[in-house]
Amino acid sequence: MTDAPPVPQTSAPRPAGPLSGVRVVEMGQLIAGPFCGQLLGDMGAEVIKIEEPHQGDPLRQWGQAADDGHSLWWSVLARNKKSVALNLRSEEGQAIARRLIDDADILIENFRPGSLERWGLGYERLAETNPGLVLIRVSGFGQTGPYAERPGYGSIGEAMGGLRYVVGDPSTPPSRVGISIGDTLAAMFATIGGLSALHERSVSGRGQVVDASIYESVLGVMESLVPDWAVAGVQRERSGSILPKIAPSNVYPTKDGQWMIIAANQDTVFRRLCAAMGEPELADDERFATHLARGERQEMLDERIAEFSLGLDAQELEDTLTAHAVPIGKIFKPEDMLRDAQFDHRGSITTVDDSRHGPVRMQNAFPRLSRTDSAVRWSGPRLGEHTAQTLQQLGFDDEAIAAWRTAGVVR
């Protein structure tokens, strides 16, 4: 392992956040629904996560790095949340859940469509006692349509939404992005929908259902993929590290064996790149003088820029192009993030105390707000850590809670 910089202290007070006072109940598991809850929690909402009492969310054991079975991924995805361990498949658990949801502004769920209804937790029933409730439903294919009841993971949504086909090198089969991008995109669209519904409630006084599907969330960021084909008959293909006809914008090798991103496809920026390369006349060469011309000779231009970049170490290349106002960036790994001045200045990486791992470095909450900033206030909770506290706040006494624990309704 490489030496890491000193771990900063975490004594600074955490801001309340712009969603302070908003209560969220999160059901479901793994990524798509819980990431929506993470975003709302980062913005200050009180997020009460309901988990199955015996094992909890499977993500507690997921991820590449774990300590005694406790996932570091869980520390991030479940941060700023309270854990209530409750058996939603029991009548008692469903009754407790309804009591909890009666006081909620937002309910998040990402079960297979129809699950809530089978448990007596459908929206119509919940709205009888909480008409202002916003129900965020995240699923693979949405709540309607012939595929609605199919199990749908993020990978399937990425494939149906058009992303998998265009990711990777043209010489290889379709690839995946190295993170669960379909799930997180669905969570982001779900969050936007939930906050929009919450705003509309301030006018109408009524809640509503937000129906976010993974495949549509992926489709929503696919730029002109559909009209390119439907109107012009152009099918986007895998293109590796480039975007076809957008040049120069690629990864380029350096003398010391690193790879740097250089993005200079705009005319004025390309002119500055040519000056930095010591070839200012190249900007007026008719083969490269316009955006269209550079796109037609993309491979030729990339080879020329690579010859230049190979003559410099990565830091020399970055310094030279930055001095000429040409966008350039190193391809960061975590060790780079932990040492970078920009990350440090903005607090992009924060440190959170965790009862299982000690101080944990993780990405901060984004975006940043000038008055009521987002924040990471604590890491992922232990299973059922807040069960008793939450049930007591609902008016249940210790005797009832103890009986439910014995019966396996709560933990």
Protein backbone atom coordinates (compact mmCIF):
# COMPACT_ATOMS: atom_id res chain seq x y z
CA MET A 1 0.00 0.00 0.00
CA THR A 2 1.11 3.56 -0.64
CA ASP A 3 1.52 5.99 2.23
CA ALA A 4 -1.62 8.06 2.70
CA PRO A 5 -1.65 11.67 3.88
CA PRO A 6 -2.63 12.32 7.49
CA VAL A 7 -6.30 11.74 8.27
CA PRO A 8 -7.95 15.11 9.06
CA GLN A 9 -9.98 15.56 12.20
CA THR A 10 -13.78 15.45 12.09
CA SER A 11 -14.67 17.84 14.91
CA ALA A 12 -16.09 20.59 12.70
CA PRO A 13 -19.86 21.02 13.17
CA ARG A 14 -21.98 19.56 10.39
CA PRO A 15 -24.54 21.90 8.79
CA ALA A 16 -28.22 21.04 9.05
CA GLY A 17 -28.68 20.94 5.27
CA PRO A 18 -31.40 22.36 3.00
CA LEU A 19 -33.73 19.38 3.58
CA SER A 20 -33.58 19.62 7.36
CA GLY A 21 -37.08 18.84 8.68
CA VAL A 22 -37.96 16.52 5.80
CA ARG A 23 -38.60 12.94 6.96
CA VAL A 24 -37.84 10.09 4.55
CA VAL A 25 -38.64 6.42 5.05
CA GLU A 26 -36.48 4.21 2.85
CA MET A 27 -37.46 0.65 1.98
CA GLY A 28 -35.75 -1.65 -0.46
CA GLN A 29 -32.13 -2.69 -0.72
CA LEU A 30 -28.90 -2.66 -2.68
CA ILE A 31 -28.31 0.45 -4.80
CA ALA A 32 -31.03 2.21 -6.78
CA GLY A 33 -33.47 3.08 -3.99
CA PRO A 34 -30.84 3.45 -1.26
CA PHE A 35 -28.72 5.84 -3.33
CA CYS A 36 -31.78 8.08 -3.62
CA GLY A 37 -31.99 7.95 0.18
CA GLN A 38 -28.29 8.77 0.43
CA LEU A 39 -28.70 11.87 -1.71
CA LEU A 40 -31.63 13.10 0.38
CA GLY A 41 -29.76 12.35 3.59
CA ASP A 42 -26.69 14.23 2.36
CA MET A 43 -28.95 17.25 1.94
CA GLY A 44 -30.11 17.04 5.55
CA ALA A 45 -33.28 14.96 5.40
CA GLU A 46 -33.95 12.53 8.24
CA VAL A 47 -33.73 9.16 6.49
CA ILE A 48 -35.09 6.11 8.33
CA LYS A 49 -34.03 2.96 6.53
CA ILE A 50 -36.19 -0.12 7.08
CA GLU A 51 -34.20 -3.36 6.82
CA GLU A 52 -34.96 -7.04 7.09
CA PRO A 53 -34.19 -8.00 10.74
CA HIS A 54 -31.88 -11.01 10.25
CA GLN A 55 -29.28 -9.98 7.66
CA GLY A 56 -30.32 -6.47 6.73
CA ASP A 57 -29.55 -4.95 3.36
CA PRO A 58 -27.31 -7.34 1.36
CA LEU A 59 -25.07 -4.39 0.57
CA ARG A 60 -23.76 -4.67 4.13
CA GLN A 61 -21.66 -7.55 2.76
CA TRP A 62 -21.05 -6.28 -0.78
CA GLY A 63 -18.00 -4.56 -2.19
CA GLN A 64 -14.35 -5.34 -2.81
CA ALA A 65 -13.08 -4.11 0.54
CA ALA A 66 -14.52 -5.34 3.81
CA ASP A 67 -13.41 -5.81 7.39
CA ASP A 68 -14.84 -8.83 9.26
CA GLY A 69 -17.72 -8.93 6.79
CA HIS A 70 -18.53 -5.22 7.13
CA SER A 71 -18.51 -3.49 3.77
CA LEU A 72 -16.86 -0.13 3.25
CA TRP A 73 -19.40 0.43 0.46
CA TRP A 74 -22.10 0.29 3.14
CA SER A 75 -20.37 3.09 5.03
CA VAL A 76 -20.94 5.32 2.01
CA LEU A 77 -24.35 4.25 0.72
CA ALA A 78 -26.01 4.12 4.15
CA ARG A 79 -24.42 7.25 5.56
CA ASN A 80 -26.67 9.81 7.25
CA LYS A 81 -29.38 7.14 7.71
CA LYS A 82 -31.03 5.53 10.72
CA SER A 83 -31.53 1.76 10.65
CA VAL A 84 -34.83 0.25 11.78
CA ALA A 85 -34.89 -3.56 11.49
CA LEU A 86 -38.50 -4.49 10.67
CA ASN A 87 -40.11 -7.55 9.09
CA LEU A 88 -42.38 -6.13 6.39
CA ARG A 89 -43.70 -9.60 5.59
CA SER A 90 -45.47 -9.82 8.96
CA GLU A 91 -48.75 -8.11 9.77
CA GLU A 92 -47.23 -6.50 12.86
CA GLY A 93 -44.32 -5.18 10.82
CA GLN A 94 -46.66 -3.75 8.21
CA ALA A 95 -48.72 -2.02 10.90
CA ILE A 96 -45.57 -0.49 12.41
CA ALA A 97 -44.43 0.64 8.96
CA ARG A 98 -47.77 2.39 8.36
CA ARG A 99 -47.39 4.25 11.64
CA LEU A 100 -43.92 5.35 10.62
CA ILE A 101 -45.01 6.37 7.11
CA ASP A 102 -47.90 8.43 8.51
CA ASP A 103 -45.32 10.97 9.70
CA ALA A 104 -43.14 10.86 6.56
CA ASP A 105 -42.83 13.33 3.73
CA ILE A 106 -41.23 10.83 1.33
CA LEU A 107 -41.29 7.05 1.08
CA ILE A 108 -38.67 5.36 -1.13
CA GLU A 109 -39.01 1.76 -2.32
CA ASN A 110 -37.30 -0.32 -4.97
CA PHE A 111 -39.01 -3.68 -4.61
CA ARG A 112 -40.51 -5.46 -7.58
CA PRO A 113 -43.77 -3.69 -8.58
CA GLY A 114 -46.72 -5.01 -6.62
CA SER A 115 -44.77 -5.85 -3.45
CA LEU A 116 -46.04 -2.86 -1.47
CA GLU A 117 -49.60 -3.62 -2.47
CA ARG A 118 -49.27 -7.24 -1.30
CA TRP A 119 -48.10 -5.97 2.09
CA GLY A 120 -50.99 -3.55 2.48
CA LEU A 121 -48.68 -0.60 1.82
CA GLY A 122 -49.96 0.56 -1.57
CA TYR A 123 -50.12 4.27 -2.20
CA GLU A 124 -53.90 4.59 -2.06
CA ARG A 125 -54.00 3.06 1.39
CA LEU A 126 -51.06 5.09 2.68
CA ALA A 127 -52.54 8.31 1.30
CA GLU A 128 -55.73 7.78 3.31
CA THR A 129 -53.84 8.75 6.47
CA ASN A 130 -51.03 10.76 4.86
CA PRO A 131 -52.42 12.55 1.77
CA GLY A 132 -49.25 14.60 1.39
CA LEU A 133 -47.00 11.57 1.06
CA VAL A 134 -44.60 11.47 -1.89
CA LEU A 135 -43.92 7.85 -2.86
CA ILE A 136 -40.73 7.34 -4.87
CA ARG A 137 -40.79 4.00 -6.67
CA VAL A 138 -37.59 2.83 -8.37
CA SER A 139 -37.67 -0.31 -10.50
CA GLY A 140 -36.06 -1.87 -13.53
CA PHE A 141 -38.87 -1.20 -16.00
CA GLY A 142 -41.31 1.14 -14.22
CA GLN A 143 -44.65 0.41 -12.57
CA THR A 144 -46.55 -0.17 -15.82
CA GLY A 145 -46.12 -1.99 -19.11
CA PRO A 146 -45.55 -5.61 -20.14
CA TYR A 147 -42.12 -5.77 -18.45
CA ALA A 148 -43.18 -4.12 -15.18
CA GLU A 149 -43.18 -7.26 -13.05
CA ARG A 150 -39.90 -8.62 -14.38
CA PRO A 151 -36.92 -8.48 -12.04
CA GLY A 152 -34.72 -5.70 -13.33
CA TYR A 153 -31.14 -5.08 -12.27
CA GLY A 154 -29.06 -2.08 -13.23
CA SER A 155 -27.11 -4.03 -15.83
CA ILE A 156 -30.33 -4.88 -17.71
CA GLY A 157 -31.45 -1.25 -17.60
CA GLU A 158 -28.07 -0.13 -18.93
CA ALA A 159 -28.43 -2.58 -21.80
CA MET A 160 -32.03 -1.64 -22.67
CA GLY A 161 -31.36 2.06 -22.27
CA GLY A 162 -28.64 1.95 -24.93
CA LEU A 163 -25.56 2.47 -22.77
CA ARG A 164 -23.93 -0.96 -22.85
CA TYR A 165 -23.88 -1.09 -26.65
CA VAL A 166 -21.78 2.06 -26.95
CA VAL A 167 -19.35 1.42 -24.07
CA GLY A 168 -15.99 -0.19 -24.78
CA ASP A 169 -13.58 -0.65 -27.63
CA PRO A 170 -15.02 -1.49 -31.08
CA SER A 171 -12.90 -4.66 -31.15
CA THR A 172 -14.53 -6.07 -28.01
CA PRO A 173 -18.06 -7.07 -26.95
CA PRO A 174 -20.16 -4.41 -25.25
CA SER A 175 -18.60 -3.41 -21.93
CA ARG A 176 -19.81 -2.06 -18.63
CA VAL A 177 -18.89 1.16 -16.91
CA GLY A 178 -16.87 0.29 -13.82
CA ILE A 179 -19.61 1.38 -11.43
CA SER A 180 -23.35 0.64 -11.08
CA ILE A 181 -24.23 3.60 -13.25
CA GLY A 182 -27.75 2.43 -14.19
CA ASP A 183 -28.78 2.20 -10.54
CA THR A 184 -27.29 5.56 -9.62
CA LEU A 185 -28.82 7.31 -12.62
CA ALA A 186 -32.22 5.92 -11.64
CA ALA A 187 -31.66 7.17 -8.11
CA MET A 188 -30.75 10.64 -9.35
CA PHE A 189 -33.84 10.88 -11.55
CA ALA A 190 -35.90 9.55 -8.64
CA THR A 191 -34.46 12.22 -6.37
CA ILE A 192 -35.25 14.98 -8.86
CA GLY A 193 -38.79 13.64 -9.18
CA GLY A 194 -39.21 13.38 -5.42
CA LEU A 195 -38.05 16.92 -4.76
CA SER A 196 -40.23 18.20 -7.62
CA ALA A 197 -43.25 16.44 -6.11
CA LEU A 198 -42.39 17.86 -2.70
CA HIS A 199 -42.33 21.36 -4.19
CA GLU A 200 -45.65 20.82 -5.96
CA ARG A 201 -47.14 19.63 -2.66
CA SER A 202 -46.45 23.07 -1.21
CA VAL A 203 -48.99 24.40 -3.74
CA SER A 204 -51.57 21.61 -3.88
CA GLY A 205 -51.15 20.06 -0.45
CA ARG A 206 -51.21 16.64 -2.08
CA GLY A 207 -48.56 14.01 -2.56
CA GLN A 208 -48.11 11.77 -5.58
CA VAL A 209 -46.17 8.79 -6.93
CA VAL A 210 -42.79 9.21 -8.61
CA ASP A 211 -42.18 6.31 -11.02
CA ALA A 212 -38.47 6.03 -11.88
CA SER A 213 -37.26 3.14 -14.02
CA ILE A 214 -33.64 2.19 -14.53
CA TYR A 215 -33.86 1.72 -18.30
CA GLU A 216 -35.56 5.11 -18.81
CA SER A 217 -33.06 6.85 -16.55
CA VAL A 218 -30.23 5.48 -18.70
CA LEU A 219 -32.13 6.39 -21.86
CA GLY A 220 -32.55 9.92 -20.54
CA VAL A 221 -28.79 10.61 -20.68
CA MET A 222 -28.14 9.04 -24.08
CA GLU A 223 -27.86 12.36 -25.89
CA SER A 224 -29.01 12.12 -29.53
CA LEU A 225 -28.76 8.34 -29.75
CA VAL A 226 -32.42 7.86 -30.76
CA PRO A 227 -32.87 10.70 -33.28
CA ASP A 228 -29.47 9.92 -34.79
CA TRP A 229 -30.95 6.59 -35.81
CA ALA A 230 -34.63 7.45 -36.26
CA VAL A 231 -34.02 10.55 -38.37
CA ALA A 232 -30.58 10.14 -39.93
CA GLY A 233 -30.12 6.37 -39.91
CA VAL A 234 -26.88 6.68 -37.95
CA GLN A 235 -26.16 4.02 -35.31
CA ARG A 236 -23.69 5.02 -32.64
CA GLU A 237 -21.04 2.36 -32.14
CA ARG A 238 -18.40 1.63 -29.53
CA SER A 239 -15.51 4.00 -30.00
CA GLY A 240 -13.12 3.29 -27.14
CA SER A 241 -11.44 6.39 -25.72
CA ILE A 242 -12.74 8.83 -28.34
CA LEU A 243 -16.00 10.33 -29.51
CA PRO A 244 -16.14 9.97 -33.30
CA LYS A 245 -15.67 13.23 -35.17
CA ILE A 246 -14.76 15.11 -31.95
CA ALA A 247 -11.04 15.86 -32.14
CA PRO A 248 -8.70 16.22 -30.51
CA SER A 249 -10.18 14.68 -27.36
CA ASN A 250 -8.47 11.51 -26.23
CA VAL A 251 -5.99 9.94 -23.84
CA TYR A 252 -2.36 10.53 -24.74
CA PRO A 253 0.82 8.81 -23.48
CA THR A 254 3.62 10.57 -21.64
CA LYS A 255 7.36 10.02 -21.38
CA ASP A 256 7.03 8.56 -17.87
CA GLY A 257 4.39 6.00 -18.84
CA GLN A 258 1.24 7.79 -17.77
CA TRP A 259 -1.91 8.64 -19.70
CA MET A 260 -3.35 12.16 -19.83
CA ILE A 261 -6.68 13.43 -21.12
CA ILE A 262 -6.36 16.35 -23.52
CA ALA A 263 -9.56 17.98 -24.77
CA ALA A 264 -8.96 20.66 -27.40
CA ASN A 265 -11.67 20.12 -30.00
CA GLN A 266 -12.96 23.72 -29.98
CA ASP A 267 -11.28 25.94 -32.59
CA THR A 268 -9.85 28.49 -30.15
CA VAL A 269 -8.60 25.81 -27.77
CA PHE A 270 -7.03 23.84 -30.61
CA ARG A 271 -5.13 26.96 -31.62
CA ARG A 272 -3.73 27.22 -28.08
CA LEU A 273 -2.76 23.54 -28.15
CA CYS A 274 -0.85 24.07 -31.39
CA ALA A 275 1.03 26.95 -29.79
CA ALA A 276 1.87 24.79 -26.77
CA MET A 277 3.17 22.09 -29.14
CA GLY A 278 5.40 24.62 -30.83
CA GLU A 279 3.44 24.25 -34.07
CA PRO A 280 1.19 27.34 -34.24
CA GLU A 281 0.92 26.97 -38.02
CA LEU A 282 -1.00 23.71 -37.52
CA ALA A 283 -4.09 25.68 -36.46
CA ASP A 284 -4.28 27.20 -39.95
CA ASP A 285 -3.54 23.99 -41.83
CA GLU A 286 -6.66 23.26 -43.88
CA ARG A 287 -6.53 19.62 -42.75
CA PHE A 288 -7.14 20.69 -39.13
CA ALA A 289 -8.36 24.29 -39.23
CA THR A 290 -12.04 23.53 -38.54
CA HIS A 291 -13.97 21.25 -36.25
CA LEU A 292 -15.24 19.21 -39.22
CA ALA A 293 -11.79 18.90 -40.75
CA ARG A 294 -10.27 17.66 -37.49
CA GLY A 295 -13.09 15.14 -37.10
CA GLU A 296 -12.37 13.72 -40.55
CA ARG A 297 -8.67 13.29 -39.72
CA GLN A 298 -9.06 12.27 -36.11
CA GLU A 299 -6.57 9.38 -36.13
CA MET A 300 -3.92 11.39 -37.95
CA LEU A 301 -4.27 14.27 -35.49
CA ASP A 302 -4.16 11.99 -32.44
CA GLU A 303 -0.93 10.43 -33.68
CA ARG A 304 0.63 13.87 -34.05
CA ILE A 305 -0.39 14.96 -30.56
CA ALA A 306 0.85 11.65 -29.11
CA GLU A 307 4.30 12.31 -30.61
CA PHE A 308 4.34 15.61 -28.72
CA SER A 309 3.03 14.19 -25.43
CA LEU A 310 5.56 11.33 -25.44
CA GLY A 311 8.35 13.91 -25.28
CA LEU A 312 7.25 15.16 -21.84
CA ASP A 313 6.69 13.70 -18.41
CA ALA A 314 3.10 13.88 -17.20
CA GLN A 315 3.74 16.85 -14.90
CA GLU A 316 5.64 18.72 -17.61
CA LEU A 317 2.80 18.11 -20.06
CA GLU A 318 0.18 19.28 -17.55
CA ASP A 319 2.17 22.40 -16.70
CA THR A 320 2.77 23.26 -20.35
CA LEU A 321 -0.85 22.88 -21.48
CA THR A 322 -2.26 24.55 -18.37
CA ALA A 323 -0.04 27.55 -19.06
CA HIS A 324 -1.67 27.72 -22.51
CA ALA A 325 -5.21 27.28 -21.09
CA VAL A 326 -5.67 23.89 -22.75
CA PRO A 327 -7.87 21.45 -20.76
CA ILE A 328 -5.76 18.55 -19.51
CA GLY A 329 -6.13 16.08 -16.71
CA LYS A 330 -4.49 13.06 -15.20
CA ILE A 331 -6.60 9.90 -14.96
CA PHE A 332 -7.01 9.81 -11.20
CA LYS A 333 -7.00 6.84 -8.88
CA PRO A 334 -7.95 7.20 -5.20
CA GLU A 335 -4.33 7.80 -4.15
CA ASP A 336 -4.25 10.80 -6.51
CA MET A 337 -7.52 12.17 -5.10
CA LEU A 338 -6.19 12.00 -1.54
CA ARG A 339 -3.15 14.10 -2.47
CA ASP A 340 -4.64 16.59 -4.92
CA ALA A 341 -4.76 20.30 -4.05
CA GLN A 342 -8.17 20.85 -5.66
CA PHE A 343 -9.74 17.95 -3.75
CA ASP A 344 -8.15 19.22 -0.56
CA HIS A 345 -9.25 22.83 -1.00
CA ARG A 346 -12.89 21.96 -1.62
CA GLY A 347 -13.06 19.12 0.87
CA SER A 348 -14.09 16.72 -1.90
CA ILE A 349 -12.97 13.84 0.31
CA THR A 350 -14.24 13.87 3.88
CA THR A 351 -13.40 11.78 6.93
CA VAL A 352 -16.15 10.10 8.93
CA ASP A 353 -15.80 8.16 12.17
CA ASP A 354 -17.11 4.60 11.81
CA SER A 355 -17.68 2.25 14.74
CA ARG A 356 -16.38 -0.74 12.74
CA HIS A 357 -13.57 0.73 10.68
CA GLY A 358 -12.43 3.81 12.59
CA PRO A 359 -11.94 6.99 10.54
CA VAL A 360 -13.14 6.36 6.96
CA ARG A 361 -12.17 8.55 4.03
CA MET A 362 -15.00 8.83 1.51
CA GLN A 363 -16.40 11.18 -1.10
CA ASN A 364 -18.16 14.17 0.41
CA ALA A 365 -21.77 15.22 -0.19
CA PHE A 366 -22.41 17.11 -3.43
CA PRO A 367 -23.33 19.66 -4.67
CA ARG A 368 -22.17 22.32 -2.22
CA LEU A 369 -24.57 25.02 -1.02
CA SER A 370 -23.42 28.42 0.22
CA ARG A 371 -25.68 28.71 3.31
CA THR A 372 -27.21 25.31 4.13
CA ASP A 373 -24.54 22.99 2.82
CA SER A 374 -24.82 19.27 2.29
CA ALA A 375 -22.75 17.10 4.62
CA VAL A 376 -21.83 13.59 5.73
CA ARG A 377 -22.81 13.47 9.38
CA TRP A 378 -22.20 9.79 10.13
CA SER A 379 -21.40 6.56 8.32
CA GLY A 380 -23.71 3.60 7.67
CA PRO A 381 -25.48 2.46 10.87
CA ARG A 382 -25.43 -0.95 12.51
CA LEU A 383 -28.41 -3.17 11.69
CA GLY A 384 -31.35 -2.06 13.84
CA GLU A 385 -29.28 0.62 15.57
CA HIS A 386 -32.25 3.01 15.70
CA THR A 387 -35.13 0.56 16.00
CA ALA A 388 -35.94 1.11 19.68
CA GLN A 389 -35.43 4.88 19.50
CA THR A 390 -37.70 5.23 16.46
CA LEU A 391 -40.47 3.01 17.87
CA GLN A 392 -40.38 4.88 21.16
CA GLN A 393 -40.83 8.15 19.27
CA LEU A 394 -43.93 6.59 17.65
CA GLY A 395 -45.34 5.95 21.13
CA PHE A 396 -44.61 2.24 21.51
CA ASP A 397 -43.49 1.15 24.98
CA ASP A 398 -40.49 -1.01 25.85
CA GLU A 399 -42.66 -4.01 26.61
CA ALA A 400 -44.17 -4.02 23.12
CA ILE A 401 -40.76 -3.55 21.53
CA ALA A 402 -39.34 -6.46 23.53
CA ALA A 403 -42.24 -8.70 22.50
CA TRP A 404 -41.74 -7.85 18.85
CA ARG A 405 -38.05 -8.64 19.14
CA THR A 406 -38.84 -12.04 20.58
CA ALA A 407 -41.28 -12.70 17.73
CA GLY A 408 -38.75 -11.62 15.09
CA VAL A 409 -40.84 -8.62 13.97
CA VAL A 410 -38.10 -6.14 14.85
CA ARG A 411 -34.48 -6.24 15.85
